[in-house]
Amino acid sequence: VTICFGGVVRDMMCQNDVRIGMDSYAFATGAGATTFVALRQLVLHGWQLPLGFRMSASAATVLYLRYLAWESKGEKVDEPDHLL
């Protein structure tokens, strides 16, 4: 929960605009976690998916969504919107 919503709490405490959607870290990490859990459920139902594949697919989901957010904004992903 902290990884997904830490940025939202930070934005609220700093009185910045809360970013929810494609450009938020919460969306990307939530999608990665969902990917991992969905693949784990497939393993529990008899599919043979190695742990390394499940971890890689989850990480790839997060990285791809962050890349899409970066491309759509035209700026660096880790560059802060507001400097204190």
C-alpha atoms as a PDB file:
ATOM      1  CA  VAL A   1       0.000   0.000   0.000  1.00  0.00           C
ATOM      2  CA  THR A   2       2.778   2.466   0.806  1.00  0.00           C
ATOM      3  CA  ILE A   3       4.454   2.005  -2.562  1.00  0.00           C
ATOM      4  CA  CYS A   4       1.182   2.529  -4.412  1.00  0.00           C
ATOM      5  CA  PHE A   5      -0.216   5.406  -2.396  1.00  0.00           C
ATOM      6  CA  GLY A   6       2.832   7.071  -0.852  1.00  0.00           C
ATOM      7  CA  GLY A   7       2.943   9.585  -3.707  1.00  0.00           C
ATOM      8  CA  VAL A   8      -0.734  10.409  -3.283  1.00  0.00           C
ATOM      9  CA  VAL A   9      -0.259  11.061   0.433  1.00  0.00           C
ATOM     10  CA  ARG A  10       2.841  13.183  -0.318  1.00  0.00           C
ATOM     11  CA  ASP A  11       0.926  15.273  -2.859  1.00  0.00           C
ATOM     12  CA  MET A  12      -1.921  15.818  -0.410  1.00  0.00           C
ATOM     13  CA  MET A  13       0.420  16.812   2.423  1.00  0.00           C
ATOM     14  CA  CYS A  14       2.364  19.215   0.162  1.00  0.00           C
ATOM     15  CA  GLN A  15      -0.917  20.581  -1.231  1.00  0.00           C
ATOM     16  CA  ASN A  16       0.070  19.616  -4.792  1.00  0.00           C
ATOM     17  CA  ASP A  17      -2.357  18.346  -7.383  1.00  0.00           C
ATOM     18  CA  VAL A  18      -2.950  14.652  -6.757  1.00  0.00           C
ATOM     19  CA  ARG A  19      -2.108  12.719  -9.896  1.00  0.00           C
ATOM     20  CA  ILE A  20      -4.278   9.695 -10.478  1.00  0.00           C
ATOM     21  CA  GLY A  21      -4.168   7.899 -13.789  1.00  0.00           C
ATOM     22  CA  MET A  22      -1.503   7.024 -16.300  1.00  0.00           C
ATOM     23  CA  ASP A  23       1.074   9.470 -14.946  1.00  0.00           C
ATOM     24  CA  SER A  24       0.867   8.323 -11.320  1.00  0.00           C
ATOM     25  CA  TYR A  25       3.208   5.825  -9.746  1.00  0.00           C
ATOM     26  CA  ALA A  26       0.243   4.328  -7.903  1.00  0.00           C
ATOM     27  CA  PHE A  27      -1.387   3.241 -11.145  1.00  0.00           C
ATOM     28  CA  ALA A  28       1.800   1.605 -12.453  1.00  0.00           C
ATOM     29  CA  THR A  29       2.659  -0.227  -9.224  1.00  0.00           C
ATOM     30  CA  GLY A  30      -0.947  -1.297  -8.753  1.00  0.00           C
ATOM     31  CA  ALA A  31      -0.997  -2.723 -12.281  1.00  0.00           C
ATOM     32  CA  GLY A  32       2.286  -4.537 -11.618  1.00  0.00           C
ATOM     33  CA  ALA A  33       0.939  -6.020  -8.396  1.00  0.00           C
ATOM     34  CA  THR A  34      -2.257  -7.062 -10.155  1.00  0.00           C
ATOM     35  CA  THR A  35      -0.212  -8.748 -12.889  1.00  0.00           C
ATOM     36  CA  PHE A  36       1.769 -10.705 -10.305  1.00  0.00           C
ATOM     37  CA  VAL A  37      -1.336 -11.808  -8.396  1.00  0.00           C
ATOM     38  CA  ALA A  38      -3.124 -12.830 -11.609  1.00  0.00           C
ATOM     39  CA  LEU A  39      -0.143 -14.918 -12.718  1.00  0.00           C
ATOM     40  CA  ARG A  40       0.067 -16.464  -9.246  1.00  0.00           C
ATOM     41  CA  GLN A  41      -3.576 -17.471  -9.490  1.00  0.00           C
ATOM     42  CA  LEU A  42      -2.802 -19.217 -12.775  1.00  0.00           C
ATOM     43  CA  VAL A  43      -0.031 -21.166 -11.025  1.00  0.00           C
ATOM     44  CA  LEU A  44      -2.461 -22.197  -8.291  1.00  0.00           C
ATOM     45  CA  HIS A  45      -4.781 -23.506 -11.028  1.00  0.00           C
ATOM     46  CA  GLY A  46      -2.088 -25.728 -12.508  1.00  0.00           C
ATOM     47  CA  TRP A  47      -0.221 -23.534 -14.988  1.00  0.00           C
ATOM     48  CA  GLN A  48       3.558 -23.968 -14.963  1.00  0.00           C
ATOM     49  CA  LEU A  49       4.850 -20.386 -14.706  1.00  0.00           C
ATOM     50  CA  PRO A  50       8.250 -19.975 -13.024  1.00  0.00           C
ATOM     51  CA  LEU A  51       8.627 -17.356 -10.311  1.00  0.00           C
ATOM     52  CA  GLY A  52      11.248 -15.511 -12.366  1.00  0.00           C
ATOM     53  CA  PHE A  53       8.791 -15.138 -15.251  1.00  0.00           C
ATOM     54  CA  ARG A  54       6.058 -13.841 -12.963  1.00  0.00           C
ATOM     55  CA  MET A  55       8.403 -11.306 -11.386  1.00  0.00           C
ATOM     56  CA  SER A  56       9.738 -10.216 -14.773  1.00  0.00           C
ATOM     57  CA  ALA A  57       6.248  -9.814 -16.231  1.00  0.00           C
ATOM     58  CA  SER A  58       5.193  -7.710 -13.237  1.00  0.00           C
ATOM     59  CA  ALA A  59       8.281  -5.509 -13.453  1.00  0.00           C
ATOM     60  CA  ALA A  60       7.835  -5.146 -17.211  1.00  0.00           C
ATOM     61  CA  THR A  61       4.247  -3.994 -16.658  1.00  0.00           C
ATOM     62  CA  VAL A  62       5.378  -1.268 -14.253  1.00  0.00           C
ATOM     63  CA  LEU A  63       8.257  -0.140 -16.449  1.00  0.00           C
ATOM     64  CA  TYR A  64       6.107  -0.055 -19.579  1.00  0.00           C
ATOM     65  CA  LEU A  65       3.390   2.032 -17.913  1.00  0.00           C
ATOM     66  CA  ARG A  66       5.985   4.460 -16.543  1.00  0.00           C
ATOM     67  CA  TYR A  67       7.537   4.684 -20.022  1.00  0.00           C
ATOM     68  CA  LEU A  68       4.124   5.498 -21.518  1.00  0.00           C
ATOM     69  CA  ALA A  69       3.591   8.205 -18.892  1.00  0.00           C
ATOM     70  CA  TRP A  70       7.026   9.643 -19.639  1.00  0.00           C
ATOM     71  CA  GLU A  71       6.408   9.667 -23.385  1.00  0.00           C
ATOM     72  CA  SER A  72       2.995  11.300 -23.024  1.00  0.00           C
ATOM     73  CA  LYS A  73       4.345  14.114 -20.822  1.00  0.00           C
ATOM     74  CA  GLY A  74       7.525  14.742 -22.763  1.00  0.00           C
ATOM     75  CA  GLU A  75       9.633  15.156 -19.625  1.00  0.00           C
ATOM     76  CA  LYS A  76      11.736  13.007 -17.342  1.00  0.00           C
ATOM     77  CA  VAL A  77       9.797  10.584 -15.148  1.00  0.00           C
ATOM     78  CA  ASP A  78      11.732  11.330 -11.987  1.00  0.00           C
ATOM     79  CA  GLU A  79      11.726  15.137 -12.379  1.00  0.00           C
ATOM     80  CA  PRO A  80       9.612  16.762  -9.631  1.00  0.00           C
ATOM     81  CA  ASP A  81       6.691  18.929 -10.712  1.00  0.00           C
ATOM     82  CA  HIS A  82       7.134  21.446  -7.901  1.00  0.00           C
ATOM     83  CA  LEU A  83      10.298  22.312  -6.051  1.00  0.00           C
ATOM     84  CA  LEU A  84       9.924  23.208  -2.381  1.00  0.00           C
END
